[in-house]
Amino acid sequence: MPLHQLYPKPDEPTSFQPQVDIIALHGLNPRGANIKQHAFNTWTKPSGPTGRLWLRDDLPKYTPESRIFLYEYNSSLIFGDRNRFFFSADELLEDIRNERIGDERRPIVFLAHSLGGVLAEQAIVNSFNNKRYTSIWLATSGLAFFGTPHNGGRMGLVTLASVAARIASTLQLQPENDVPEAIRNGSLYTDILKEHWRQRLLDFDLYSFWEGDERIVTRESASFGVPGDKEAIIELKAAHSDLCRFDQSEGDQVLFKRVRIPIQEMYEKALSKSESVGVHSQIDLELESRLAALRAPV
């Protein structure tokens, strides 16, 4: 079960109809880490079942009409080669689709840590190009990236391989052995993906968080280089692995507020979109028709 529903608890009755789906993706698995535990620990401080999982314990207060999911996957397999990566993005889309049957127009907000953001980008591109998942592209409203290397929107600024090697060292991985080959040889994040993703960028509200306490992913690398009204670039005084982990200490609560408010902004904008779905459903159908025409061979 790769998608874990954190809120509301799936086995408990709710007093509301969810209006927004929030989906969180982790990055590379640390050496020897249990895959499920890492998926949860990425967002939990301190790590472990007694730690504070803010996606479950805090965020619902500010996004009460949402469903919040955490996605679990084996990064060693997904980032193993380009083809596996591409198909894994489709697997993510299929899991999302299966959770939204009957509610395909419900807006989506993605939260992604580190290289999980690259998986989110590929999934967005695939959803645009595959009619089976078009509803996910149309529903996606905003994305927040935590230390994801975007190359600043410029070729050659920093390679994904070099950033992955620095990320690996923080996870006690050996870059030459533990960083998947497709990342090390630079074939994963292809020019085609970059170009397709950049064509989709301005369709969404973007928040790019970068680490102020380390330089694993620099501010330049963590940003897309798009106009400021479409992307907010926000510094967090935290290490790369702690960018999206907050306990109840005073310092962490300052960081959480800096993260929580942008998520609230995306949620509220998505909520407005959700409330207008019925009014604009015909417009959406027409948009889907135009998309189909664009994809048709000439």
C-alpha atoms as a PDB file:
ATOM      1  CA  MET A   1       0.000   0.000   0.000  1.00  0.00           C
ATOM      2  CA  PRO A   2       2.286   2.807  -1.229  1.00  0.00           C
ATOM      3  CA  LEU A   3      -0.223   5.585  -0.465  1.00  0.00           C
ATOM      4  CA  HIS A   4      -0.875   5.872   3.266  1.00  0.00           C
ATOM      5  CA  GLN A   5      -3.842   8.043   4.217  1.00  0.00           C
ATOM      6  CA  LEU A   6      -2.860  10.004   7.325  1.00  0.00           C
ATOM      7  CA  TYR A   7      -5.903  12.258   7.585  1.00  0.00           C
ATOM      8  CA  PRO A   8      -8.706  11.677   8.062  1.00  0.00           C
ATOM      9  CA  LYS A   9      -8.130   8.164   9.340  1.00  0.00           C
ATOM     10  CA  PRO A  10      -9.621   5.934   6.642  1.00  0.00           C
ATOM     11  CA  ASP A  11     -11.331   3.641   9.165  1.00  0.00           C
ATOM     12  CA  GLU A  12     -13.071   6.450  11.048  1.00  0.00           C
ATOM     13  CA  PRO A  13     -16.259   8.311  10.003  1.00  0.00           C
ATOM     14  CA  THR A  14     -15.828  11.963   9.042  1.00  0.00           C
ATOM     15  CA  SER A  15     -18.136  14.942   9.326  1.00  0.00           C
ATOM     16  CA  PHE A  16     -16.954  16.515   6.065  1.00  0.00           C
ATOM     17  CA  GLN A  17     -16.503  15.729   2.402  1.00  0.00           C
ATOM     18  CA  PRO A  18     -12.800  16.155   1.481  1.00  0.00           C
ATOM     19  CA  GLN A  19     -12.215  18.968  -0.981  1.00  0.00           C
ATOM     20  CA  VAL A  20      -8.422  18.819  -1.522  1.00  0.00           C
ATOM     21  CA  ASP A  21      -5.888  15.968  -1.666  1.00  0.00           C
ATOM     22  CA  ILE A  22      -2.382  16.610  -0.280  1.00  0.00           C
ATOM     23  CA  ILE A  23       0.263  14.033  -1.265  1.00  0.00           C
ATOM     24  CA  ALA A  24       3.785  13.876   0.242  1.00  0.00           C
ATOM     25  CA  LEU A  25       6.767  12.112  -1.373  1.00  0.00           C
ATOM     26  CA  HIS A  26      10.125  11.285   0.259  1.00  0.00           C
ATOM     27  CA  GLY A  27      13.589  11.146  -1.345  1.00  0.00           C
ATOM     28  CA  LEU A  28      16.488   8.660  -1.294  1.00  0.00           C
ATOM     29  CA  ASN A  29      16.351   5.870   1.297  1.00  0.00           C
ATOM     30  CA  PRO A  30      19.260   5.930   3.803  1.00  0.00           C
ATOM     31  CA  ARG A  31      21.576   2.928   4.018  1.00  0.00           C
ATOM     32  CA  GLY A  32      19.858  -0.023   5.676  1.00  0.00           C
ATOM     33  CA  ALA A  33      16.664   1.912   6.351  1.00  0.00           C
ATOM     34  CA  ASN A  34      13.301   0.192   6.305  1.00  0.00           C
ATOM     35  CA  ILE A  35      11.475   1.636   3.297  1.00  0.00           C
ATOM     36  CA  LYS A  36       8.217   2.286   5.126  1.00  0.00           C
ATOM     37  CA  GLN A  37       9.987   3.745   8.143  1.00  0.00           C
ATOM     38  CA  HIS A  38      11.958   6.125   5.934  1.00  0.00           C
ATOM     39  CA  ALA A  39       8.791   7.249   4.177  1.00  0.00           C
ATOM     40  CA  PHE A  40       7.357   8.240   7.567  1.00  0.00           C
ATOM     41  CA  ASN A  41      10.597   9.473   9.168  1.00  0.00           C
ATOM     42  CA  THR A  42      11.165  11.978   6.349  1.00  0.00           C
ATOM     43  CA  TRP A  43       8.274  13.960   7.884  1.00  0.00           C
ATOM     44  CA  THR A  44       8.693  12.899  11.549  1.00  0.00           C
ATOM     45  CA  LYS A  45      10.861  14.359  14.343  1.00  0.00           C
ATOM     46  CA  PRO A  46      12.332  12.654  16.198  1.00  0.00           C
ATOM     47  CA  SER A  47      12.307   9.589  13.967  1.00  0.00           C
ATOM     48  CA  GLY A  48      10.190   6.657  15.018  1.00  0.00           C
ATOM     49  CA  PRO A  49       6.603   5.926  16.006  1.00  0.00           C
ATOM     50  CA  THR A  50       6.665   8.304  18.997  1.00  0.00           C
ATOM     51  CA  GLY A  51       7.948  11.258  16.958  1.00  0.00           C
ATOM     52  CA  ARG A  52       5.821  14.117  15.693  1.00  0.00           C
ATOM     53  CA  LEU A  53       4.482  13.469  12.193  1.00  0.00           C
ATOM     54  CA  TRP A  54       3.361  16.991  11.390  1.00  0.00           C
ATOM     55  CA  LEU A  55       1.472  15.919   8.265  1.00  0.00           C
ATOM     56  CA  ARG A  56      -0.870  14.014  10.583  1.00  0.00           C
ATOM     57  CA  ASP A  57      -0.503  15.793  13.919  1.00  0.00           C
ATOM     58  CA  ASP A  58      -0.419  19.489  12.891  1.00  0.00           C
ATOM     59  CA  LEU A  59      -1.316  20.144   9.256  1.00  0.00           C
ATOM     60  CA  PRO A  60      -4.996  19.075   9.483  1.00  0.00           C
ATOM     61  CA  LYS A  61      -5.695  22.049  11.785  1.00  0.00           C
ATOM     62  CA  TYR A  62      -4.872  24.331   8.852  1.00  0.00           C
ATOM     63  CA  THR A  63      -6.248  22.192   6.006  1.00  0.00           C
ATOM     64  CA  PRO A  64      -9.366  20.734   7.659  1.00  0.00           C
ATOM     65  CA  GLU A  65     -11.212  19.749   4.476  1.00  0.00           C
ATOM     66  CA  SER A  66      -8.298  17.846   2.992  1.00  0.00           C
ATOM     67  CA  ARG A  67      -7.143  14.279   2.692  1.00  0.00           C
ATOM     68  CA  ILE A  68      -3.441  13.909   3.467  1.00  0.00           C
ATOM     69  CA  PHE A  69      -1.441  11.036   1.992  1.00  0.00           C
ATOM     70  CA  LEU A  70       2.127   9.865   2.413  1.00  0.00           C
ATOM     71  CA  TYR A  71       3.643   7.955  -0.518  1.00  0.00           C
ATOM     72  CA  GLU A  72       5.990   5.034   0.171  1.00  0.00           C
ATOM     73  CA  TYR A  73       8.342   3.693  -2.499  1.00  0.00           C
ATOM     74  CA  ASN A  74      11.745   2.048  -2.870  1.00  0.00           C
ATOM     75  CA  SER A  75      13.992   4.806  -4.216  1.00  0.00           C
ATOM     76  CA  SER A  76      16.792   2.354  -5.074  1.00  0.00           C
ATOM     77  CA  LEU A  77      14.473   0.631  -7.545  1.00  0.00           C
ATOM     78  CA  ILE A  78      12.719   3.733  -8.851  1.00  0.00           C
ATOM     79  CA  PHE A  79      15.909   5.654  -9.548  1.00  0.00           C
ATOM     80  CA  GLY A  80      17.682   2.546 -10.850  1.00  0.00           C
ATOM     81  CA  ASP A  81      17.362   3.325 -14.552  1.00  0.00           C
ATOM     82  CA  ARG A  82      15.553   5.753 -16.799  1.00  0.00           C
ATOM     83  CA  ASN A  83      12.858   3.341 -17.972  1.00  0.00           C
ATOM     84  CA  ARG A  84      12.126   2.114 -14.450  1.00  0.00           C
ATOM     85  CA  PHE A  85      11.911   5.736 -13.297  1.00  0.00           C
ATOM     86  CA  PHE A  86       9.448   6.605 -16.071  1.00  0.00           C
ATOM     87  CA  PHE A  87       7.206   3.633 -15.317  1.00  0.00           C
ATOM     88  CA  SER A  88       7.434   4.277 -11.569  1.00  0.00           C
ATOM     89  CA  ALA A  89       6.006   7.741 -12.170  1.00  0.00           C
ATOM     90  CA  ASP A  90       3.081   6.004 -13.863  1.00  0.00           C
ATOM     91  CA  GLU A  91       2.736   3.693 -10.841  1.00  0.00           C
ATOM     92  CA  LEU A  92       2.462   6.761  -8.614  1.00  0.00           C
ATOM     93  CA  LEU A  93      -0.211   8.167 -10.932  1.00  0.00           C
ATOM     94  CA  GLU A  94      -2.097   4.866 -10.931  1.00  0.00           C
ATOM     95  CA  ASP A  95      -2.121   4.767  -7.125  1.00  0.00           C
ATOM     96  CA  ILE A  96      -3.369   8.356  -6.993  1.00  0.00           C
ATOM     97  CA  ARG A  97      -6.014   7.635  -9.625  1.00  0.00           C
ATOM     98  CA  ASN A  98      -7.298   4.631  -7.681  1.00  0.00           C
ATOM     99  CA  GLU A  99      -7.749   6.770  -4.556  1.00  0.00           C
ATOM    100  CA  ARG A 100      -9.779   9.374  -6.466  1.00  0.00           C
ATOM    101  CA  ILE A 101     -12.317   7.334  -8.419  1.00  0.00           C
ATOM    102  CA  GLY A 102     -15.509   9.353  -8.433  1.00  0.00           C
ATOM    103  CA  ASP A 103     -13.652  12.495  -7.289  1.00  0.00           C
ATOM    104  CA  GLU A 104     -11.285  13.022 -10.211  1.00  0.00           C
ATOM    105  CA  ARG A 105     -11.745  16.800 -10.200  1.00  0.00           C
ATOM    106  CA  ARG A 106     -10.731  17.238  -6.563  1.00  0.00           C
ATOM    107  CA  PRO A 107      -7.646  19.529  -6.509  1.00  0.00           C
ATOM    108  CA  ILE A 108      -4.235  18.097  -5.612  1.00  0.00           C
ATOM    109  CA  VAL A 109      -1.284  19.646  -3.771  1.00  0.00           C
ATOM    110  CA  PHE A 110       2.072  17.826  -3.872  1.00  0.00           C
ATOM    111  CA  LEU A 111       4.777  18.059  -1.200  1.00  0.00           C
ATOM    112  CA  ALA A 112       8.133  16.511  -2.149  1.00  0.00           C
ATOM    113  CA  HIS A 113      11.457  16.155  -0.356  1.00  0.00           C
ATOM    114  CA  SER A 114      14.779  16.012  -2.184  1.00  0.00           C
ATOM    115  CA  LEU A 115      14.805  13.638  -5.188  1.00  0.00           C
ATOM    116  CA  GLY A 116      11.161  12.802  -4.535  1.00  0.00           C
ATOM    117  CA  GLY A 117      10.537  16.107  -6.271  1.00  0.00           C
ATOM    118  CA  VAL A 118      12.093  14.748  -9.475  1.00  0.00           C
ATOM    119  CA  LEU A 119       9.650  11.838  -9.313  1.00  0.00           C
ATOM    120  CA  ALA A 120       6.789  14.319  -8.869  1.00  0.00           C
ATOM    121  CA  GLU A 121       7.973  16.265 -11.921  1.00  0.00           C
ATOM    122  CA  GLN A 122       8.056  13.135 -14.081  1.00  0.00           C
ATOM    123  CA  ALA A 123       4.594  12.167 -12.831  1.00  0.00           C
ATOM    124  CA  ILE A 124       3.219  15.585 -13.822  1.00  0.00           C
ATOM    125  CA  VAL A 125       4.743  15.268 -17.303  1.00  0.00           C
ATOM    126  CA  ASN A 126       3.334  11.741 -17.678  1.00  0.00           C
ATOM    127  CA  SER A 127      -0.107  12.848 -16.525  1.00  0.00           C
ATOM    128  CA  PHE A 128      -0.175  15.494 -19.243  1.00  0.00           C
ATOM    129  CA  ASN A 129       0.890  13.039 -21.942  1.00  0.00           C
ATOM    130  CA  ASN A 130      -1.273  10.052 -20.951  1.00  0.00           C
ATOM    131  CA  LYS A 131      -5.060  10.374 -21.263  1.00  0.00           C
ATOM    132  CA  ARG A 132      -5.555   7.851 -18.460  1.00  0.00           C
ATOM    133  CA  TYR A 133      -4.050  10.365 -16.025  1.00  0.00           C
ATOM    134  CA  THR A 134      -5.110  13.667 -17.570  1.00  0.00           C
ATOM    135  CA  SER A 135      -7.475  14.304 -14.643  1.00  0.00           C
ATOM    136  CA  ILE A 136      -4.470  14.374 -12.285  1.00  0.00           C
ATOM    137  CA  TRP A 137      -2.716  17.023 -14.350  1.00  0.00           C
ATOM    138  CA  LEU A 138      -5.913  19.083 -14.538  1.00  0.00           C
ATOM    139  CA  ALA A 139      -6.462  18.701 -10.776  1.00  0.00           C
ATOM    140  CA  THR A 140      -2.919  19.597  -9.681  1.00  0.00           C
ATOM    141  CA  SER A 141      -2.989  23.068  -8.178  1.00  0.00           C
ATOM    142  CA  GLY A 142       0.326  23.547  -6.386  1.00  0.00           C
ATOM    143  CA  LEU A 143       3.616  21.906  -5.493  1.00  0.00           C
ATOM    144  CA  ALA A 144       6.059  22.473  -2.638  1.00  0.00           C
ATOM    145  CA  PHE A 145       9.612  21.165  -3.023  1.00  0.00           C
ATOM    146  CA  PHE A 146      12.001  20.702  -0.092  1.00  0.00           C
ATOM    147  CA  GLY A 147      15.619  20.645  -1.261  1.00  0.00           C
ATOM    148  CA  THR A 148      14.845  19.284  -4.719  1.00  0.00           C
ATOM    149  CA  PRO A 149      17.572  20.003  -7.306  1.00  0.00           C
ATOM    150  CA  HIS A 150      15.950  21.832 -10.216  1.00  0.00           C
ATOM    151  CA  ASN A 151      19.205  23.152 -11.727  1.00  0.00           C
ATOM    152  CA  GLY A 152      17.920  26.686 -11.367  1.00  0.00           C
ATOM    153  CA  GLY A 153      16.157  26.312 -14.684  1.00  0.00           C
ATOM    154  CA  ARG A 154      19.533  26.573 -16.456  1.00  0.00           C
ATOM    155  CA  MET A 155      21.554  23.860 -18.127  1.00  0.00           C
ATOM    156  CA  GLY A 156      24.927  23.125 -16.595  1.00  0.00           C
ATOM    157  CA  LEU A 157      24.486  25.005 -13.320  1.00  0.00           C
ATOM    158  CA  VAL A 158      24.810  21.803 -11.329  1.00  0.00           C
ATOM    159  CA  THR A 159      24.293  18.204 -12.373  1.00  0.00           C
ATOM    160  CA  LEU A 160      21.786  15.939 -10.723  1.00  0.00           C
ATOM    161  CA  ALA A 161      24.572  13.400 -10.272  1.00  0.00           C
ATOM    162  CA  SER A 162      26.742  15.753  -8.224  1.00  0.00           C
ATOM    163  CA  VAL A 163      23.809  16.812  -6.040  1.00  0.00           C
ATOM    164  CA  ALA A 164      22.774  13.183  -5.545  1.00  0.00           C
ATOM    165  CA  ALA A 165      26.306  12.357  -4.441  1.00  0.00           C
ATOM    166  CA  ARG A 166      26.169  15.101  -1.809  1.00  0.00           C
ATOM    167  CA  ILE A 167      22.732  13.920  -0.665  1.00  0.00           C
ATOM    168  CA  ALA A 168      24.046  10.351  -0.474  1.00  0.00           C
ATOM    169  CA  SER A 169      26.930  11.387   1.767  1.00  0.00           C
ATOM    170  CA  THR A 170      24.498  12.856   4.296  1.00  0.00           C
ATOM    171  CA  LEU A 171      22.642   9.527   4.366  1.00  0.00           C
ATOM    172  CA  GLN A 172      25.851   7.545   4.967  1.00  0.00           C
ATOM    173  CA  LEU A 173      25.662   6.142   1.456  1.00  0.00           C
ATOM    174  CA  GLN A 174      28.624   5.546  -0.825  1.00  0.00           C
ATOM    175  CA  PRO A 175      27.925   7.459  -4.048  1.00  0.00           C
ATOM    176  CA  GLU A 176      29.829   4.964  -6.200  1.00  0.00           C
ATOM    177  CA  ASN A 177      27.881   2.011  -4.766  1.00  0.00           C
ATOM    178  CA  ASP A 178      24.562   3.223  -3.387  1.00  0.00           C
ATOM    179  CA  VAL A 179      23.461   6.042  -5.675  1.00  0.00           C
ATOM    180  CA  PRO A 180      21.518   4.388  -8.515  1.00  0.00           C
ATOM    181  CA  GLU A 181      23.315   4.254 -11.850  1.00  0.00           C
ATOM    182  CA  ALA A 182      20.750   6.370 -13.682  1.00  0.00           C
ATOM    183  CA  ILE A 183      21.456   9.254 -11.307  1.00  0.00           C
ATOM    184  CA  ARG A 184      25.227   8.827 -11.361  1.00  0.00           C
ATOM    185  CA  ASN A 185      25.519   8.759 -15.137  1.00  0.00           C
ATOM    186  CA  GLY A 186      23.141  11.678 -15.608  1.00  0.00           C
ATOM    187  CA  SER A 187      20.601   9.808 -17.740  1.00  0.00           C
ATOM    188  CA  LEU A 188      17.686  10.040 -15.294  1.00  0.00           C
ATOM    189  CA  TYR A 189      16.918  13.749 -15.485  1.00  0.00           C
ATOM    190  CA  THR A 190      17.015  14.004 -19.248  1.00  0.00           C
ATOM    191  CA  ASP A 191      16.860  17.120 -21.381  1.00  0.00           C
ATOM    192  CA  ILE A 192      13.470  15.859 -22.595  1.00  0.00           C
ATOM    193  CA  LEU A 193      12.101  15.759 -19.047  1.00  0.00           C
ATOM    194  CA  LYS A 194      13.544  19.203 -18.340  1.00  0.00           C
ATOM    195  CA  GLU A 195      11.928  20.687 -21.424  1.00  0.00           C
ATOM    196  CA  HIS A 196       8.549  19.007 -20.905  1.00  0.00           C
ATOM    197  CA  TRP A 197       8.518  19.984 -17.253  1.00  0.00           C
ATOM    198  CA  ARG A 198       9.411  23.615 -17.995  1.00  0.00           C
ATOM    199  CA  GLN A 199       6.493  23.751 -20.433  1.00  0.00           C
ATOM    200  CA  ARG A 200       4.167  22.751 -17.589  1.00  0.00           C
ATOM    201  CA  LEU A 201       5.722  24.895 -14.843  1.00  0.00           C
ATOM    202  CA  LEU A 202       3.538  27.950 -15.148  1.00  0.00           C
ATOM    203  CA  ASP A 203       0.382  25.861 -14.789  1.00  0.00           C
ATOM    204  CA  PHE A 204       0.991  25.570 -11.018  1.00  0.00           C
ATOM    205  CA  ASP A 205       1.799  27.525  -7.887  1.00  0.00           C
ATOM    206  CA  LEU A 206       5.328  26.590  -6.819  1.00  0.00           C
ATOM    207  CA  TYR A 207       7.145  26.832  -3.501  1.00  0.00           C
ATOM    208  CA  SER A 208      10.835  25.904  -3.408  1.00  0.00           C
ATOM    209  CA  PHE A 209      12.401  25.492   0.033  1.00  0.00           C
ATOM    210  CA  TRP A 210      16.177  25.366   0.366  1.00  0.00           C
ATOM    211  CA  GLU A 211      18.449  24.577   3.283  1.00  0.00           C
ATOM    212  CA  GLY A 212      20.205  27.410   5.070  1.00  0.00           C
ATOM    213  CA  ASP A 213      22.331  25.211   7.338  1.00  0.00           C
ATOM    214  CA  GLU A 214      23.917  23.133   4.564  1.00  0.00           C
ATOM    215  CA  ARG A 215      24.734  23.525   0.897  1.00  0.00           C
ATOM    216  CA  ILE A 216      23.684  20.092  -0.297  1.00  0.00           C
ATOM    217  CA  VAL A 217      21.135  21.723  -2.606  1.00  0.00           C
ATOM    218  CA  THR A 218      21.890  25.428  -2.971  1.00  0.00           C
ATOM    219  CA  ARG A 219      19.359  28.188  -3.423  1.00  0.00           C
ATOM    220  CA  GLU A 220      20.233  28.388  -7.114  1.00  0.00           C
ATOM    221  CA  SER A 221      19.782  24.665  -7.616  1.00  0.00           C
ATOM    222  CA  ALA A 222      16.580  24.496  -5.546  1.00  0.00           C
ATOM    223  CA  SER A 223      14.831  27.136  -7.669  1.00  0.00           C
ATOM    224  CA  PHE A 224      13.191  26.940 -11.089  1.00  0.00           C
ATOM    225  CA  GLY A 225      14.106  30.417 -12.251  1.00  0.00           C
ATOM    226  CA  VAL A 226      10.527  31.360 -13.173  1.00  0.00           C
ATOM    227  CA  PRO A 227       8.756  34.657 -12.401  1.00  0.00           C
ATOM    228  CA  GLY A 228       8.299  35.442  -8.708  1.00  0.00           C
ATOM    229  CA  ASP A 229       4.529  35.463  -8.959  1.00  0.00           C
ATOM    230  CA  LYS A 230       4.668  31.752  -9.861  1.00  0.00           C
ATOM    231  CA  GLU A 231       7.489  30.550  -7.602  1.00  0.00           C
ATOM    232  CA  ALA A 232       8.324  31.487  -4.029  1.00  0.00           C
ATOM    233  CA  ILE A 233      11.891  30.599  -2.981  1.00  0.00           C
ATOM    234  CA  ILE A 234      12.068  30.211   0.790  1.00  0.00           C
ATOM    235  CA  GLU A 235      15.060  29.559   3.026  1.00  0.00           C
ATOM    236  CA  LEU A 236      14.773  27.210   5.996  1.00  0.00           C
ATOM    237  CA  LYS A 237      17.573  27.236   8.579  1.00  0.00           C
ATOM    238  CA  ALA A 238      17.834  23.467   8.614  1.00  0.00           C
ATOM    239  CA  ALA A 239      19.962  20.624   7.265  1.00  0.00           C
ATOM    240  CA  HIS A 240      18.893  18.837   4.104  1.00  0.00           C
ATOM    241  CA  SER A 241      17.440  15.828   5.951  1.00  0.00           C
ATOM    242  CA  ASP A 242      15.562  18.096   8.377  1.00  0.00           C
ATOM    243  CA  LEU A 243      13.922  20.396   5.835  1.00  0.00           C
ATOM    244  CA  CYS A 244      10.489  18.851   6.374  1.00  0.00           C
ATOM    245  CA  ARG A 245      10.779  17.508   9.937  1.00  0.00           C
ATOM    246  CA  PHE A 246       9.448  19.617  12.815  1.00  0.00           C
ATOM    247  CA  ASP A 247       8.976  18.898  16.503  1.00  0.00           C
ATOM    248  CA  GLN A 248       7.394  21.207  19.058  1.00  0.00           C
ATOM    249  CA  SER A 249      10.576  23.078  19.978  1.00  0.00           C
ATOM    250  CA  GLU A 250      10.512  26.840  19.546  1.00  0.00           C
ATOM    251  CA  GLY A 251      13.007  26.791  16.675  1.00  0.00           C
ATOM    252  CA  ASP A 252      11.178  24.086  14.769  1.00  0.00           C
ATOM    253  CA  GLN A 253       7.855  25.819  15.229  1.00  0.00           C
ATOM    254  CA  VAL A 254       9.330  28.908  13.560  1.00  0.00           C
ATOM    255  CA  LEU A 255      10.328  26.728  10.600  1.00  0.00           C
ATOM    256  CA  PHE A 256       6.979  24.952  10.584  1.00  0.00           C
ATOM    257  CA  LYS A 257       5.154  28.274  10.346  1.00  0.00           C
ATOM    258  CA  ARG A 258       7.324  29.199   7.377  1.00  0.00           C
ATOM    259  CA  VAL A 259       6.243  25.958   5.690  1.00  0.00           C
ATOM    260  CA  ARG A 260       2.685  25.798   6.946  1.00  0.00           C
ATOM    261  CA  ILE A 261       1.558  29.187   5.617  1.00  0.00           C
ATOM    262  CA  PRO A 262       2.524  28.426   1.976  1.00  0.00           C
ATOM    263  CA  ILE A 263       0.769  25.065   2.241  1.00  0.00           C
ATOM    264  CA  GLN A 264      -2.288  26.882   3.608  1.00  0.00           C
ATOM    265  CA  GLU A 265      -2.130  29.283   0.675  1.00  0.00           C
ATOM    266  CA  MET A 266      -2.038  26.399  -1.800  1.00  0.00           C
ATOM    267  CA  TYR A 267      -4.828  24.637   0.092  1.00  0.00           C
ATOM    268  CA  GLU A 268      -7.081  27.705   0.143  1.00  0.00           C
ATOM    269  CA  LYS A 269      -6.511  28.358  -3.546  1.00  0.00           C
ATOM    270  CA  ALA A 270      -7.233  24.694  -4.280  1.00  0.00           C
ATOM    271  CA  LEU A 271     -10.325  24.887  -2.080  1.00  0.00           C
ATOM    272  CA  SER A 272     -11.636  27.775  -4.171  1.00  0.00           C
ATOM    273  CA  LYS A 273     -10.954  25.704  -7.255  1.00  0.00           C
ATOM    274  CA  SER A 274     -12.807  22.770  -5.718  1.00  0.00           C
ATOM    275  CA  GLU A 275     -15.837  24.909  -4.888  1.00  0.00           C
ATOM    276  CA  SER A 276     -16.025  26.124  -8.496  1.00  0.00           C
ATOM    277  CA  VAL A 277     -15.658  22.693 -10.092  1.00  0.00           C
ATOM    278  CA  GLY A 278     -19.400  22.251 -10.535  1.00  0.00           C
ATOM    279  CA  VAL A 279     -19.752  25.642 -12.181  1.00  0.00           C
ATOM    280  CA  HIS A 280     -16.828  25.099 -14.515  1.00  0.00           C
ATOM    281  CA  SER A 281     -17.171  21.390 -15.224  1.00  0.00           C
ATOM    282  CA  GLN A 282     -18.167  22.099 -18.819  1.00  0.00           C
ATOM    283  CA  ILE A 283     -15.117  24.316 -19.248  1.00  0.00           C
ATOM    284  CA  ASP A 284     -12.927  21.487 -17.926  1.00  0.00           C
ATOM    285  CA  LEU A 285     -14.496  19.057 -20.382  1.00  0.00           C
ATOM    286  CA  GLU A 286     -13.764  21.451 -23.207  1.00  0.00           C
ATOM    287  CA  LEU A 287     -10.166  21.780 -21.997  1.00  0.00           C
ATOM    288  CA  GLU A 288      -9.794  18.001 -21.977  1.00  0.00           C
ATOM    289  CA  SER A 289     -11.140  17.941 -25.526  1.00  0.00           C
ATOM    290  CA  ARG A 290      -8.563  20.515 -26.616  1.00  0.00           C
ATOM    291  CA  LEU A 291      -5.793  18.506 -24.914  1.00  0.00           C
ATOM    292  CA  ALA A 292      -6.855  15.420 -26.819  1.00  0.00           C
ATOM    293  CA  ALA A 293      -6.722  17.400 -30.063  1.00  0.00           C
ATOM    294  CA  LEU A 294      -3.192  18.638 -29.240  1.00  0.00           C
ATOM    295  CA  ARG A 295      -1.998  15.094 -28.586  1.00  0.00           C
ATOM    296  CA  ALA A 296      -3.504  13.726 -31.812  1.00  0.00           C
ATOM    297  CA  PRO A 297      -0.992  12.977 -34.591  1.00  0.00           C
ATOM    298  CA  VAL A 298      -0.871  15.548 -37.329  1.00  0.00           C
END
